[in-house]
Amino acid sequence: MDSKDEKTRIEAFGSQGCGKMPHATKRHRKNRGVPPPAAFDIDTLPGSSNLTALEAAAVIRRTPGALEQWRRDSSHPLKWRYVDGRPLYRVDAVRDYLAKCDKTTKIPQPHNDHGDGRGVRP
């Protein structure tokens, strides 16, 4: 094949350029990472205020997907309610959850194989 036939074939498949897909064919994907830190101070908000799932995730420093998983477990300590089909978190509930997490956080222990404070053998 000569280069003219090859060029025509490439143009026919629309692959000329640097391989970019047209904007309309790209699939929109959610940002699944941890949101940036909250732009507000949770301690200054009234306790009866409501936070969206994204705002609560920013305060707790977890992903919105983690909060979604927690909502599937009715016994999870972070409480929420649905308003117009959307989950809302009361500021009091978020504060209580954070306080409870602070109390249950274990102090990291040095790692060893024995578990009784003896050092690891080389």
C-alpha atoms as a PDB file:
ATOM      1  CA  MET A   1       0.000   0.000   0.000  1.00  0.00           C
ATOM      2  CA  ASP A   2       1.224   3.439  -0.742  1.00  0.00           C
ATOM      3  CA  SER A   3       1.024   6.294   1.746  1.00  0.00           C
ATOM      4  CA  LYS A   4      -1.989   7.872  -0.012  1.00  0.00           C
ATOM      5  CA  ASP A   5      -4.193   4.817   0.631  1.00  0.00           C
ATOM      6  CA  GLU A   6      -3.044   4.650   4.242  1.00  0.00           C
ATOM      7  CA  LYS A   7      -3.839   8.316   4.816  1.00  0.00           C
ATOM      8  CA  THR A   8      -7.323   7.895   3.380  1.00  0.00           C
ATOM      9  CA  ARG A   9      -7.976   4.888   5.600  1.00  0.00           C
ATOM     10  CA  ILE A  10      -6.882   6.819   8.717  1.00  0.00           C
ATOM     11  CA  GLU A  11      -9.107   9.756   7.829  1.00  0.00           C
ATOM     12  CA  ALA A  12     -12.060   7.415   7.231  1.00  0.00           C
ATOM     13  CA  PHE A  13     -11.886   6.113  10.813  1.00  0.00           C
ATOM     14  CA  GLY A  14     -11.578   9.613  12.239  1.00  0.00           C
ATOM     15  CA  SER A  15      -8.380   8.838  14.085  1.00  0.00           C
ATOM     16  CA  GLN A  16      -6.444  11.768  12.754  1.00  0.00           C
ATOM     17  CA  GLY A  17      -5.052  14.024  15.447  1.00  0.00           C
ATOM     18  CA  CYS A  18      -3.722  12.921  18.799  1.00  0.00           C
ATOM     19  CA  GLY A  19      -6.390  10.331  19.593  1.00  0.00           C
ATOM     20  CA  LYS A  20      -8.738  12.570  21.545  1.00  0.00           C
ATOM     21  CA  MET A  21     -12.345  11.464  21.858  1.00  0.00           C
ATOM     22  CA  PRO A  22     -15.073  13.947  20.972  1.00  0.00           C
ATOM     23  CA  HIS A  23     -16.502  15.596  24.092  1.00  0.00           C
ATOM     24  CA  ALA A  24     -19.973  14.108  23.588  1.00  0.00           C
ATOM     25  CA  THR A  25     -18.737  10.506  23.758  1.00  0.00           C
ATOM     26  CA  LYS A  26     -16.849  10.876  27.063  1.00  0.00           C
ATOM     27  CA  ARG A  27     -18.603   9.372  30.048  1.00  0.00           C
ATOM     28  CA  HIS A  28     -18.998  11.659  33.068  1.00  0.00           C
ATOM     29  CA  ARG A  29     -17.475  10.091  36.150  1.00  0.00           C
ATOM     30  CA  LYS A  30     -17.950  11.125  39.749  1.00  0.00           C
ATOM     31  CA  ASN A  31     -15.032  12.366  41.744  1.00  0.00           C
ATOM     32  CA  ARG A  32     -14.604   9.481  44.178  1.00  0.00           C
ATOM     33  CA  GLY A  33     -11.810  10.972  46.272  1.00  0.00           C
ATOM     34  CA  VAL A  34     -11.853  12.711  49.615  1.00  0.00           C
ATOM     35  CA  PRO A  35     -13.247  16.228  49.220  1.00  0.00           C
ATOM     36  CA  PRO A  36     -11.089  19.199  50.199  1.00  0.00           C
ATOM     37  CA  PRO A  37     -11.286  20.318  53.839  1.00  0.00           C
ATOM     38  CA  ALA A  38     -14.471  22.125  54.785  1.00  0.00           C
ATOM     39  CA  ALA A  39     -14.479  25.871  54.159  1.00  0.00           C
ATOM     40  CA  PHE A  40     -16.404  26.419  57.407  1.00  0.00           C
ATOM     41  CA  ASP A  41     -15.794  25.693  61.070  1.00  0.00           C
ATOM     42  CA  ILE A  42     -18.211  23.059  62.320  1.00  0.00           C
ATOM     43  CA  ASP A  43     -17.852  24.325  65.888  1.00  0.00           C
ATOM     44  CA  THR A  44     -19.335  27.713  64.964  1.00  0.00           C
ATOM     45  CA  LEU A  45     -22.466  26.286  63.288  1.00  0.00           C
ATOM     46  CA  PRO A  46     -25.682  25.864  65.266  1.00  0.00           C
ATOM     47  CA  GLY A  47     -26.355  22.253  66.222  1.00  0.00           C
ATOM     48  CA  SER A  48     -29.660  22.159  64.361  1.00  0.00           C
ATOM     49  CA  SER A  49     -28.053  23.001  61.008  1.00  0.00           C
ATOM     50  CA  ASN A  50     -27.987  20.364  58.298  1.00  0.00           C
ATOM     51  CA  LEU A  51     -24.998  19.338  56.192  1.00  0.00           C
ATOM     52  CA  THR A  52     -25.119  17.676  52.800  1.00  0.00           C
ATOM     53  CA  ALA A  53     -23.307  14.397  52.296  1.00  0.00           C
ATOM     54  CA  LEU A  54     -20.423  16.209  50.569  1.00  0.00           C
ATOM     55  CA  GLU A  55     -20.101  18.754  53.403  1.00  0.00           C
ATOM     56  CA  ALA A  56     -20.220  16.006  56.030  1.00  0.00           C
ATOM     57  CA  ALA A  57     -17.586  14.042  54.117  1.00  0.00           C
ATOM     58  CA  ALA A  58     -15.370  17.138  54.028  1.00  0.00           C
ATOM     59  CA  VAL A  59     -15.681  17.609  57.797  1.00  0.00           C
ATOM     60  CA  ILE A  60     -15.090  13.932  58.623  1.00  0.00           C
ATOM     61  CA  ARG A  61     -12.386  13.607  55.919  1.00  0.00           C
ATOM     62  CA  ARG A  62     -13.900  10.542  54.282  1.00  0.00           C
ATOM     63  CA  THR A  63     -15.184   9.982  50.767  1.00  0.00           C
ATOM     64  CA  PRO A  64     -18.859  10.530  49.981  1.00  0.00           C
ATOM     65  CA  GLY A  65     -18.892   6.864  48.927  1.00  0.00           C
ATOM     66  CA  ALA A  66     -17.875   5.869  52.461  1.00  0.00           C
ATOM     67  CA  LEU A  67     -20.820   7.807  53.871  1.00  0.00           C
ATOM     68  CA  GLU A  68     -23.056   6.074  51.343  1.00  0.00           C
ATOM     69  CA  GLN A  69     -21.806   2.691  52.580  1.00  0.00           C
ATOM     70  CA  TRP A  70     -22.382   3.765  56.189  1.00  0.00           C
ATOM     71  CA  ARG A  71     -25.991   4.715  55.386  1.00  0.00           C
ATOM     72  CA  ARG A  72     -26.630   1.122  54.337  1.00  0.00           C
ATOM     73  CA  ASP A  73     -25.814   0.043  57.900  1.00  0.00           C
ATOM     74  CA  SER A  74     -28.658   1.302  60.114  1.00  0.00           C
ATOM     75  CA  SER A  75     -26.565   0.737  63.253  1.00  0.00           C
ATOM     76  CA  HIS A  76     -23.721   3.028  62.165  1.00  0.00           C
ATOM     77  CA  PRO A  77     -23.034   5.725  64.786  1.00  0.00           C
ATOM     78  CA  LEU A  78     -23.191   8.619  62.291  1.00  0.00           C
ATOM     79  CA  LYS A  79     -26.889   9.409  62.007  1.00  0.00           C
ATOM     80  CA  TRP A  80     -28.646  11.025  59.051  1.00  0.00           C
ATOM     81  CA  ARG A  81     -32.124  11.645  57.718  1.00  0.00           C
ATOM     82  CA  TYR A  82     -33.582  11.946  54.263  1.00  0.00           C
ATOM     83  CA  VAL A  83     -35.169  15.226  53.184  1.00  0.00           C
ATOM     84  CA  ASP A  84     -36.675  15.244  49.698  1.00  0.00           C
ATOM     85  CA  GLY A  85     -34.821  12.017  48.962  1.00  0.00           C
ATOM     86  CA  ARG A  86     -31.385  13.414  49.848  1.00  0.00           C
ATOM     87  CA  PRO A  87     -29.411  12.459  52.946  1.00  0.00           C
ATOM     88  CA  LEU A  88     -28.729  15.274  55.407  1.00  0.00           C
ATOM     89  CA  TYR A  89     -26.553  15.155  58.499  1.00  0.00           C
ATOM     90  CA  ARG A  90     -27.259  17.320  61.549  1.00  0.00           C
ATOM     91  CA  VAL A  91     -24.252  19.222  62.829  1.00  0.00           C
ATOM     92  CA  ASP A  92     -24.897  17.746  66.312  1.00  0.00           C
ATOM     93  CA  ALA A  93     -24.712  14.209  64.891  1.00  0.00           C
ATOM     94  CA  VAL A  94     -21.429  14.932  63.100  1.00  0.00           C
ATOM     95  CA  ARG A  95     -19.931  16.472  66.260  1.00  0.00           C
ATOM     96  CA  ASP A  96     -21.053  13.474  68.341  1.00  0.00           C
ATOM     97  CA  TYR A  97     -19.565  11.073  65.805  1.00  0.00           C
ATOM     98  CA  LEU A  98     -16.228  12.920  65.787  1.00  0.00           C
ATOM     99  CA  ALA A  99     -16.140  13.025  69.602  1.00  0.00           C
ATOM    100  CA  LYS A 100     -16.896   9.312  69.786  1.00  0.00           C
ATOM    101  CA  CYS A 101     -14.119   8.565  67.262  1.00  0.00           C
ATOM    102  CA  ASP A 102     -11.637  10.564  69.363  1.00  0.00           C
ATOM    103  CA  LYS A 103     -12.479   8.475  72.435  1.00  0.00           C
ATOM    104  CA  THR A 104     -12.188   5.127  70.670  1.00  0.00           C
ATOM    105  CA  THR A 105      -8.980   5.890  68.777  1.00  0.00           C
ATOM    106  CA  LYS A 106      -6.248   3.583  70.008  1.00  0.00           C
ATOM    107  CA  ILE A 107      -2.774   4.831  70.731  1.00  0.00           C
ATOM    108  CA  PRO A 108      -0.438   3.207  68.205  1.00  0.00           C
ATOM    109  CA  GLN A 109       1.801   0.593  69.806  1.00  0.00           C
ATOM    110  CA  PRO A 110       5.260  -0.294  68.541  1.00  0.00           C
ATOM    111  CA  HIS A 111       5.122  -3.303  66.273  1.00  0.00           C
ATOM    112  CA  ASN A 112       6.816  -6.489  67.438  1.00  0.00           C
ATOM    113  CA  ASP A 113       6.313 -10.196  66.890  1.00  0.00           C
ATOM    114  CA  HIS A 114       5.785 -11.067  70.545  1.00  0.00           C
ATOM    115  CA  GLY A 115       3.048  -8.643  71.539  1.00  0.00           C
ATOM    116  CA  ASP A 116       4.461  -8.336  75.069  1.00  0.00           C
ATOM    117  CA  GLY A 117       6.901  -5.469  74.679  1.00  0.00           C
ATOM    118  CA  ARG A 118       9.941  -7.572  73.837  1.00  0.00           C
ATOM    119  CA  GLY A 119      11.894  -6.503  70.798  1.00  0.00           C
ATOM    120  CA  VAL A 120      11.981  -8.364  67.512  1.00  0.00           C
ATOM    121  CA  ARG A 121      14.922 -10.690  67.000  1.00  0.00           C
ATOM    122  CA  PRO A 122      17.132  -9.880  64.010  1.00  0.00           C
END
